[in-house]
Amino acid sequence: MPHAKPKQGSRSPGETVGAAPDVDFSAPAATEAGETGARGHPAAPERDLRRPVIRA
Protein backbone atom coordinates (compact mmCIF):
# COMPACT_ATOMS: atom_id res chain seq x y z
CA MET A 1 0.00 0.00 0.00
CA PRO A 2 1.48 3.39 -0.92
CA HIS A 3 2.02 5.91 1.83
CA ALA A 4 2.02 9.67 1.38
CA LYS A 5 3.97 11.96 3.64
CA PRO A 6 3.29 15.71 3.85
CA LYS A 7 6.02 18.18 2.98
CA GLN A 8 8.21 19.30 5.83
CA GLY A 9 6.31 21.85 7.90
CA SER A 10 2.96 21.38 6.13
CA ARG A 11 -0.21 20.39 7.93
CA SER A 12 -2.29 17.25 7.47
CA PRO A 13 -5.75 17.47 5.85
CA GLY A 14 -7.33 17.02 9.29
CA GLU A 15 -5.38 19.96 10.65
CA THR A 16 -6.14 22.05 7.57
CA VAL A 17 -9.89 21.43 7.44
CA GLY A 18 -10.55 21.03 11.14
CA ALA A 19 -12.01 18.43 13.41
CA ALA A 20 -15.18 16.47 12.89
CA PRO A 21 -18.41 18.16 13.97
CA ASP A 22 -19.98 17.21 17.28
CA VAL A 23 -22.54 14.42 17.22
CA ASP A 24 -25.89 15.03 18.94
CA PHE A 25 -26.63 11.74 20.69
CA SER A 26 -29.77 13.22 22.24
CA ALA A 27 -31.54 13.42 18.85
CA PRO A 28 -34.97 11.75 18.72
CA ALA A 29 -35.35 8.21 17.42
CA ALA A 30 -36.48 7.82 13.82
CA THR A 31 -39.90 6.66 14.98
CA GLU A 32 -40.32 9.93 16.90
CA ALA A 33 -39.08 12.22 14.14
CA GLY A 34 -42.50 12.80 12.64
CA GLU A 35 -43.58 12.85 9.02
CA THR A 36 -41.00 12.61 6.28
CA GLY A 37 -41.32 12.95 2.54
CA ALA A 38 -39.45 13.34 -0.70
CA ARG A 39 -39.06 16.78 -2.20
CA GLY A 40 -37.27 18.13 -5.23
CA HIS A 41 -37.27 17.46 -8.92
CA PRO A 42 -39.32 14.53 -10.17
CA ALA A 43 -37.42 11.47 -11.29
CA ALA A 44 -36.80 11.03 -14.99
CA PRO A 45 -39.05 8.54 -16.73
CA GLU A 46 -37.73 5.02 -16.94
CA ARG A 47 -35.75 4.27 -20.07
CA ASP A 48 -36.33 1.22 -22.25
CA LEU A 49 -32.91 -0.42 -22.13
CA ARG A 50 -33.75 -2.61 -25.12
CA ARG A 51 -33.61 0.43 -27.42
CA PRO A 52 -30.33 2.25 -28.08
CA VAL A 53 -30.03 5.93 -27.23
CA ILE A 54 -29.63 8.01 -30.39
CA ARG A 55 -28.46 11.57 -29.82
CA ALA A 56 -28.32 14.17 -32.54
C-alpha atoms as a PDB file:
ATOM      1  CA  MET A   1       0.000   0.000   0.000  1.00  0.00           C
ATOM      2  CA  PRO A   2       1.484   3.386  -0.923  1.00  0.00           C
ATOM      3  CA  HIS A   3       2.016   5.913   1.828  1.00  0.00           C
ATOM      4  CA  ALA A   4       2.024   9.669   1.378  1.00  0.00           C
ATOM      5  CA  LYS A   5       3.973  11.961   3.642  1.00  0.00           C
ATOM      6  CA  PRO A   6       3.290  15.711   3.847  1.00  0.00           C
ATOM      7  CA  LYS A   7       6.020  18.180   2.979  1.00  0.00           C
ATOM      8  CA  GLN A   8       8.212  19.302   5.833  1.00  0.00           C
ATOM      9  CA  GLY A   9       6.314  21.849   7.902  1.00  0.00           C
ATOM     10  CA  SER A  10       2.956  21.383   6.129  1.00  0.00           C
ATOM     11  CA  ARG A  11      -0.206  20.394   7.932  1.00  0.00           C
ATOM     12  CA  SER A  12      -2.291  17.246   7.473  1.00  0.00           C
ATOM     13  CA  PRO A  13      -5.755  17.473   5.853  1.00  0.00           C
ATOM     14  CA  GLY A  14      -7.334  17.017   9.290  1.00  0.00           C
ATOM     15  CA  GLU A  15      -5.381  19.960  10.652  1.00  0.00           C
ATOM     16  CA  THR A  16      -6.143  22.055   7.570  1.00  0.00           C
ATOM     17  CA  VAL A  17      -9.894  21.429   7.442  1.00  0.00           C
ATOM     18  CA  GLY A  18     -10.549  21.031  11.140  1.00  0.00           C
ATOM     19  CA  ALA A  19     -12.010  18.431  13.415  1.00  0.00           C
ATOM     20  CA  ALA A  20     -15.179  16.466  12.888  1.00  0.00           C
ATOM     21  CA  PRO A  21     -18.413  18.162  13.968  1.00  0.00           C
ATOM     22  CA  ASP A  22     -19.982  17.214  17.280  1.00  0.00           C
ATOM     23  CA  VAL A  23     -22.544  14.420  17.220  1.00  0.00           C
ATOM     24  CA  ASP A  24     -25.886  15.033  18.939  1.00  0.00           C
ATOM     25  CA  PHE A  25     -26.626  11.738  20.686  1.00  0.00           C
ATOM     26  CA  SER A  26     -29.772  13.222  22.241  1.00  0.00           C
ATOM     27  CA  ALA A  27     -31.538  13.416  18.852  1.00  0.00           C
ATOM     28  CA  PRO A  28     -34.967  11.745  18.718  1.00  0.00           C
ATOM     29  CA  ALA A  29     -35.355   8.214  17.418  1.00  0.00           C
ATOM     30  CA  ALA A  30     -36.477   7.820  13.816  1.00  0.00           C
ATOM     31  CA  THR A  31     -39.900   6.658  14.976  1.00  0.00           C
ATOM     32  CA  GLU A  32     -40.322   9.933  16.898  1.00  0.00           C
ATOM     33  CA  ALA A  33     -39.082  12.221  14.139  1.00  0.00           C
ATOM     34  CA  GLY A  34     -42.504  12.805  12.637  1.00  0.00           C
ATOM     35  CA  GLU A  35     -43.580  12.847   9.025  1.00  0.00           C
ATOM     36  CA  THR A  36     -41.001  12.607   6.276  1.00  0.00           C
ATOM     37  CA  GLY A  37     -41.322  12.949   2.535  1.00  0.00           C
ATOM     38  CA  ALA A  38     -39.454  13.338  -0.699  1.00  0.00           C
ATOM     39  CA  ARG A  39     -39.063  16.784  -2.199  1.00  0.00           C
ATOM     40  CA  GLY A  40     -37.271  18.132  -5.226  1.00  0.00           C
ATOM     41  CA  HIS A  41     -37.268  17.455  -8.924  1.00  0.00           C
ATOM     42  CA  PRO A  42     -39.319  14.525 -10.170  1.00  0.00           C
ATOM     43  CA  ALA A  43     -37.424  11.470 -11.289  1.00  0.00           C
ATOM     44  CA  ALA A  44     -36.799  11.030 -14.991  1.00  0.00           C
ATOM     45  CA  PRO A  45     -39.050   8.539 -16.732  1.00  0.00           C
ATOM     46  CA  GLU A  46     -37.725   5.016 -16.944  1.00  0.00           C
ATOM     47  CA  ARG A  47     -35.746   4.273 -20.070  1.00  0.00           C
ATOM     48  CA  ASP A  48     -36.329   1.217 -22.245  1.00  0.00           C
ATOM     49  CA  LEU A  49     -32.907  -0.423 -22.131  1.00  0.00           C
ATOM     50  CA  ARG A  50     -33.749  -2.611 -25.123  1.00  0.00           C
ATOM     51  CA  ARG A  51     -33.610   0.427 -27.419  1.00  0.00           C
ATOM     52  CA  PRO A  52     -30.329   2.246 -28.083  1.00  0.00           C
ATOM     53  CA  VAL A  53     -30.026   5.930 -27.230  1.00  0.00           C
ATOM     54  CA  ILE A  54     -29.628   8.009 -30.386  1.00  0.00           C
ATOM     55  CA  ARG A  55     -28.460  11.566 -29.823  1.00  0.00           C
ATOM     56  CA  ALA A  56     -28.315  14.169 -32.538  1.00  0.00           C
END
